[in-house]
Amino acid sequence: MQEEHNKKMKVKKGWLAVEVGLEEEEDDGEHGGTRRFVIPISYLHHPLFRRLLDKAYEAYGYHSDGPLKLPCSVDDFLHLRWRIEKEPNHHHHHHNHHHLPHALFFHC
């Protein structure tokens, strides 16, 4: 997983480009308030990431140009990514999660 600095960089097979950030976040001058990341497509099967995809659909719909836009702050995304990565089986398709986090919120 990596942050992608060159927006024209090709995404490797098995990876997905996402754009993370909220419009009300401060523009740091380099990223325009959003940051682009490349994540493994295995995230699409994770229950926490699926919740974020549902929020993305509510906020933006299914059609967009460019990377998949995710309606959460960069900090929330980094926390989500950390939670997924720390699970030993995050790359498997089947998960038995009995403890979804209560403190993870996504904005629309």
N, C-alpha and C. Protein backbone atom coordinates (compact mmCIF):
# COMPACT_ATOMS: atom_id res chain seq x y z
N MET A 1 0.83 -1.16 0.00
CA MET A 1 0.00 0.00 0.00
C MET A 1 0.87 1.23 0.00
N GLN A 2 0.46 2.18 -0.78
CA GLN A 2 1.30 3.35 -0.90
C GLN A 2 0.47 4.56 -1.24
N GLU A 3 1.01 5.70 -0.93
CA GLU A 3 0.39 6.92 -1.39
C GLU A 3 0.96 7.19 -2.76
N GLU A 4 0.10 7.58 -3.67
CA GLU A 4 0.54 7.80 -5.04
C GLU A 4 0.74 9.29 -5.25
N HIS A 5 1.97 9.69 -5.57
CA HIS A 5 2.27 11.11 -5.75
C HIS A 5 2.07 11.56 -7.18
N ASN A 6 2.32 10.69 -8.13
CA ASN A 6 2.16 11.04 -9.53
C ASN A 6 0.78 10.58 -9.99
N LYS A 7 -0.12 11.51 -10.23
CA LYS A 7 -1.51 11.16 -10.53
C LYS A 7 -1.66 10.39 -11.83
N LYS A 8 -0.66 10.41 -12.71
CA LYS A 8 -0.76 9.68 -13.97
C LYS A 8 -0.12 8.30 -13.87
N MET A 9 0.40 7.97 -12.70
CA MET A 9 1.06 6.69 -12.52
C MET A 9 0.05 5.55 -12.70
N LYS A 10 0.44 4.51 -13.43
CA LYS A 10 -0.45 3.39 -13.65
C LYS A 10 -0.57 2.56 -12.39
N VAL A 11 -1.75 2.01 -12.16
CA VAL A 11 -2.01 1.18 -11.00
C VAL A 11 -1.76 -0.27 -11.39
N LYS A 12 -1.00 -0.97 -10.56
CA LYS A 12 -0.68 -2.37 -10.85
C LYS A 12 -1.92 -3.24 -10.75
N LYS A 13 -1.90 -4.36 -11.44
CA LYS A 13 -2.98 -5.32 -11.38
C LYS A 13 -3.16 -5.77 -9.94
N GLY A 14 -4.41 -5.83 -9.48
CA GLY A 14 -4.70 -6.24 -8.11
C GLY A 14 -4.73 -5.08 -7.13
N TRP A 15 -4.57 -3.85 -7.64
CA TRP A 15 -4.58 -2.66 -6.80
C TRP A 15 -5.62 -1.68 -7.32
N LEU A 16 -6.04 -0.75 -6.48
CA LEU A 16 -7.09 0.20 -6.81
C LEU A 16 -6.69 1.59 -6.32
N ALA A 17 -6.84 2.60 -7.18
CA ALA A 17 -6.57 3.98 -6.77
C ALA A 17 -7.81 4.56 -6.10
N VAL A 18 -7.61 5.21 -4.96
CA VAL A 18 -8.70 5.89 -4.25
C VAL A 18 -8.27 7.30 -3.92
N GLU A 19 -9.25 8.21 -3.87
CA GLU A 19 -9.00 9.59 -3.48
C GLU A 19 -9.72 9.81 -2.16
N VAL A 20 -8.97 10.25 -1.17
CA VAL A 20 -9.48 10.37 0.19
C VAL A 20 -9.42 11.82 0.63
N GLY A 21 -10.46 12.28 1.30
CA GLY A 21 -10.45 13.63 1.86
C GLY A 21 -11.84 14.23 1.82
N LEU A 22 -12.05 15.16 2.73
CA LEU A 22 -13.33 15.87 2.80
C LEU A 22 -13.13 17.29 2.30
N GLU A 23 -14.16 17.83 1.69
CA GLU A 23 -14.04 19.17 1.11
C GLU A 23 -13.71 20.22 2.15
N GLU A 24 -14.21 20.02 3.39
CA GLU A 24 -13.97 21.03 4.42
C GLU A 24 -12.58 20.93 5.05
N GLU A 25 -11.80 19.90 4.68
CA GLU A 25 -10.45 19.78 5.21
C GLU A 25 -9.54 20.86 4.63
N GLU A 26 -8.55 21.25 5.40
CA GLU A 26 -7.59 22.26 4.96
C GLU A 26 -6.83 21.78 3.74
N ASP A 27 -6.61 22.67 2.83
CA ASP A 27 -5.78 22.39 1.66
C ASP A 27 -4.34 22.62 2.07
N ASP A 28 -3.52 21.57 1.99
CA ASP A 28 -2.12 21.71 2.41
C ASP A 28 -1.23 22.22 1.29
N GLY A 29 -1.84 22.63 0.16
CA GLY A 29 -1.07 23.20 -0.94
C GLY A 29 -0.61 22.17 -1.95
N GLU A 30 -0.34 20.95 -1.49
CA GLU A 30 0.18 19.93 -2.41
C GLU A 30 -0.92 19.01 -2.91
N HIS A 31 -1.86 18.67 -2.04
CA HIS A 31 -2.87 17.67 -2.40
C HIS A 31 -4.26 18.26 -2.61
N GLY A 32 -4.44 19.56 -2.41
CA GLY A 32 -5.74 20.18 -2.62
C GLY A 32 -6.79 19.67 -1.67
N GLY A 33 -6.43 19.28 -0.46
CA GLY A 33 -7.39 18.81 0.51
C GLY A 33 -7.69 17.33 0.41
N THR A 34 -7.25 16.69 -0.66
CA THR A 34 -7.43 15.25 -0.81
C THR A 34 -6.09 14.59 -1.06
N ARG A 35 -6.03 13.31 -0.77
CA ARG A 35 -4.82 12.54 -1.05
C ARG A 35 -5.22 11.28 -1.79
N ARG A 36 -4.34 10.85 -2.67
CA ARG A 36 -4.59 9.66 -3.48
C ARG A 36 -3.76 8.51 -2.93
N PHE A 37 -4.40 7.36 -2.78
CA PHE A 37 -3.73 6.17 -2.30
C PHE A 37 -3.99 5.04 -3.27
N VAL A 38 -3.12 4.06 -3.27
CA VAL A 38 -3.32 2.83 -4.03
C VAL A 38 -3.42 1.71 -3.01
N ILE A 39 -4.54 1.00 -3.04
CA ILE A 39 -4.81 -0.04 -2.05
C ILE A 39 -5.02 -1.38 -2.75
N PRO A 40 -4.78 -2.48 -2.05
CA PRO A 40 -5.05 -3.79 -2.65
C PRO A 40 -6.56 -3.99 -2.82
N ILE A 41 -6.96 -4.64 -3.91
CA ILE A 41 -8.39 -4.85 -4.14
C ILE A 41 -9.00 -5.77 -3.09
N SER A 42 -8.19 -6.49 -2.33
CA SER A 42 -8.73 -7.33 -1.27
C SER A 42 -9.50 -6.50 -0.24
N TYR A 43 -9.19 -5.21 -0.14
CA TYR A 43 -9.93 -4.34 0.79
C TYR A 43 -11.42 -4.32 0.47
N LEU A 44 -11.76 -4.51 -0.80
CA LEU A 44 -13.17 -4.45 -1.21
C LEU A 44 -14.02 -5.49 -0.51
N HIS A 45 -13.40 -6.53 0.01
CA HIS A 45 -14.14 -7.60 0.68
C HIS A 45 -14.21 -7.40 2.19
N HIS A 46 -13.50 -6.41 2.70
CA HIS A 46 -13.45 -6.22 4.15
C HIS A 46 -14.69 -5.46 4.62
N PRO A 47 -15.34 -5.91 5.70
CA PRO A 47 -16.57 -5.26 6.18
C PRO A 47 -16.40 -3.77 6.48
N LEU A 48 -15.29 -3.36 7.05
CA LEU A 48 -15.09 -1.94 7.36
C LEU A 48 -15.00 -1.12 6.07
N PHE A 49 -14.28 -1.64 5.10
CA PHE A 49 -14.14 -0.92 3.84
C PHE A 49 -15.47 -0.90 3.09
N ARG A 50 -16.24 -1.97 3.21
CA ARG A 50 -17.55 -2.02 2.54
C ARG A 50 -18.47 -0.95 3.10
N ARG A 51 -18.38 -0.67 4.40
CA ARG A 51 -19.18 0.41 4.99
C ARG A 51 -18.80 1.75 4.35
N LEU A 52 -17.50 1.95 4.15
CA LEU A 52 -17.04 3.18 3.52
C LEU A 52 -17.51 3.25 2.06
N LEU A 53 -17.52 2.13 1.37
CA LEU A 53 -18.03 2.11 -0.01
C LEU A 53 -19.51 2.47 -0.06
N ASP A 54 -20.28 2.01 0.93
CA ASP A 54 -21.69 2.38 1.01
C ASP A 54 -21.84 3.90 1.16
N LYS A 55 -21.00 4.49 2.01
CA LYS A 55 -21.03 5.94 2.21
C LYS A 55 -20.61 6.67 0.92
N ALA A 56 -19.64 6.11 0.21
CA ALA A 56 -19.21 6.72 -1.04
C ALA A 56 -20.36 6.71 -2.05
N TYR A 57 -21.12 5.62 -2.09
CA TYR A 57 -22.26 5.55 -2.99
C TYR A 57 -23.29 6.61 -2.62
N GLU A 58 -23.58 6.74 -1.30
CA GLU A 58 -24.56 7.74 -0.85
C GLU A 58 -24.11 9.16 -1.21
N ALA A 59 -22.81 9.41 -1.11
CA ALA A 59 -22.29 10.75 -1.35
C ALA A 59 -22.11 11.07 -2.83
N TYR A 60 -21.62 10.11 -3.61
CA TYR A 60 -21.20 10.39 -4.98
C TYR A 60 -21.90 9.57 -6.06
N GLY A 61 -22.60 8.50 -5.67
CA GLY A 61 -23.18 7.60 -6.66
C GLY A 61 -22.11 6.66 -7.20
N TYR A 62 -22.45 5.87 -8.19
CA TYR A 62 -21.52 4.87 -8.73
C TYR A 62 -20.61 5.42 -9.82
N HIS A 63 -21.00 6.48 -10.47
CA HIS A 63 -20.23 6.95 -11.63
C HIS A 63 -19.35 8.12 -11.24
N SER A 64 -18.06 7.98 -11.53
CA SER A 64 -17.15 9.10 -11.33
C SER A 64 -15.96 8.92 -12.26
N ASP A 65 -15.34 10.03 -12.58
CA ASP A 65 -14.13 9.98 -13.40
C ASP A 65 -12.93 9.90 -12.46
N GLY A 66 -11.95 9.13 -12.84
CA GLY A 66 -10.74 9.05 -12.04
C GLY A 66 -10.84 8.04 -10.91
N PRO A 67 -10.05 8.26 -9.86
CA PRO A 67 -10.01 7.28 -8.77
C PRO A 67 -11.32 7.25 -7.99
N LEU A 68 -11.55 6.17 -7.29
CA LEU A 68 -12.72 6.03 -6.43
C LEU A 68 -12.63 7.05 -5.31
N LYS A 69 -13.65 7.90 -5.16
CA LYS A 69 -13.65 8.91 -4.11
C LYS A 69 -14.26 8.33 -2.84
N LEU A 70 -13.56 8.54 -1.72
CA LEU A 70 -14.02 8.03 -0.43
C LEU A 70 -14.31 9.21 0.50
N PRO A 71 -15.55 9.28 1.04
CA PRO A 71 -15.95 10.42 1.85
C PRO A 71 -15.53 10.29 3.31
N CYS A 72 -14.24 10.36 3.55
CA CYS A 72 -13.75 10.34 4.92
C CYS A 72 -12.49 11.18 4.98
N SER A 73 -12.13 11.58 6.17
CA SER A 73 -10.90 12.35 6.31
C SER A 73 -9.71 11.44 6.04
N VAL A 74 -8.59 12.04 5.72
CA VAL A 74 -7.37 11.26 5.51
C VAL A 74 -7.02 10.50 6.79
N ASP A 75 -7.17 11.16 7.94
CA ASP A 75 -6.87 10.49 9.21
C ASP A 75 -7.76 9.27 9.44
N ASP A 76 -9.07 9.41 9.14
CA ASP A 76 -9.97 8.26 9.29
C ASP A 76 -9.58 7.13 8.34
N PHE A 77 -9.20 7.49 7.12
CA PHE A 77 -8.79 6.47 6.16
C PHE A 77 -7.53 5.76 6.63
N LEU A 78 -6.56 6.52 7.12
CA LEU A 78 -5.33 5.91 7.61
C LEU A 78 -5.61 4.98 8.79
N HIS A 79 -6.55 5.37 9.64
CA HIS A 79 -6.94 4.50 10.76
C HIS A 79 -7.61 3.23 10.25
N LEU A 80 -8.50 3.38 9.29
CA LEU A 80 -9.18 2.22 8.69
C LEU A 80 -8.15 1.29 8.06
N ARG A 81 -7.22 1.85 7.31
CA ARG A 81 -6.19 1.05 6.66
C ARG A 81 -5.35 0.31 7.71
N TRP A 82 -5.02 1.00 8.80
CA TRP A 82 -4.25 0.37 9.87
C TRP A 82 -5.02 -0.80 10.48
N ARG A 83 -6.32 -0.61 10.71
CA ARG A 83 -7.15 -1.68 11.29
C ARG A 83 -7.20 -2.89 10.36
N ILE A 84 -7.35 -2.66 9.06
CA ILE A 84 -7.41 -3.76 8.10
C ILE A 84 -6.05 -4.46 8.04
N GLU A 85 -4.99 -3.68 7.97
CA GLU A 85 -3.65 -4.26 7.84
C GLU A 85 -3.23 -5.06 9.07
N LYS A 86 -3.70 -4.68 10.24
CA LYS A 86 -3.25 -5.38 11.44
C LYS A 86 -3.95 -6.73 11.61
N GLU A 87 -5.01 -6.96 10.86
CA GLU A 87 -5.67 -8.25 10.90
C GLU A 87 -4.85 -9.26 10.10
N PRO A 88 -4.55 -10.41 10.70
CA PRO A 88 -3.68 -11.37 10.02
C PRO A 88 -4.27 -11.92 8.72
N ASN A 89 -5.58 -11.94 8.60
CA ASN A 89 -6.20 -12.54 7.40
C ASN A 89 -6.92 -11.50 6.56
N HIS A 90 -6.44 -10.25 6.54
CA HIS A 90 -7.18 -9.21 5.83
C HIS A 90 -7.26 -9.46 4.33
N HIS A 91 -6.41 -10.30 3.77
CA HIS A 91 -6.44 -10.50 2.32
C HIS A 91 -7.33 -11.66 1.91
N HIS A 92 -7.98 -12.32 2.85
CA HIS A 92 -8.89 -13.41 2.50
C HIS A 92 -10.28 -12.86 2.24
N HIS A 93 -11.06 -13.61 1.51
CA HIS A 93 -12.38 -13.14 1.11
C HIS A 93 -13.43 -13.30 2.18
N HIS A 94 -13.24 -14.20 3.11
CA HIS A 94 -14.26 -14.46 4.12
C HIS A 94 -13.76 -14.00 5.47
N HIS A 95 -14.60 -13.23 6.15
CA HIS A 95 -14.23 -12.70 7.46
C HIS A 95 -15.31 -13.04 8.46
N ASN A 96 -14.90 -13.37 9.64
CA ASN A 96 -15.84 -13.57 10.74
C ASN A 96 -15.57 -12.50 11.77
N HIS A 97 -16.13 -11.32 11.55
CA HIS A 97 -15.91 -10.20 12.45
C HIS A 97 -17.08 -10.10 13.42
N HIS A 98 -16.76 -10.19 14.69
CA HIS A 98 -17.78 -10.02 15.71
C HIS A 98 -17.60 -8.70 16.42
N HIS A 99 -16.55 -7.96 16.08
CA HIS A 99 -16.26 -6.72 16.80
C HIS A 99 -15.92 -5.60 15.83
N LEU A 100 -16.94 -5.00 15.22
CA LEU A 100 -16.70 -3.85 14.38
C LEU A 100 -16.47 -2.65 15.30
N PRO A 101 -15.60 -1.75 14.90
CA PRO A 101 -15.29 -0.62 15.79
C PRO A 101 -16.47 0.31 15.95
N HIS A 102 -16.63 0.84 17.14
CA HIS A 102 -17.72 1.77 17.40
C HIS A 102 -17.27 3.21 17.20
N ALA A 103 -15.96 3.46 17.15
CA ALA A 103 -15.45 4.82 17.09
C ALA A 103 -15.04 5.25 15.69
N LEU A 104 -15.36 4.46 14.68
CA LEU A 104 -14.96 4.79 13.33
C LEU A 104 -16.17 5.33 12.58
N PHE A 105 -16.13 6.62 12.22
CA PHE A 105 -17.24 7.25 11.56
C PHE A 105 -16.81 7.79 10.21
N PHE A 106 -17.70 7.73 9.23
CA PHE A 106 -17.42 8.27 7.91
C PHE A 106 -18.43 9.36 7.63
N HIS A 107 -18.00 10.37 6.92
CA HIS A 107 -18.84 11.52 6.65
C HIS A 107 -19.36 11.47 5.23
N CYS A 108 -20.52 12.03 5.03
CA CYS A 108 -21.07 12.15 3.68
C CYS A 108 -21.12 13.62 3.30
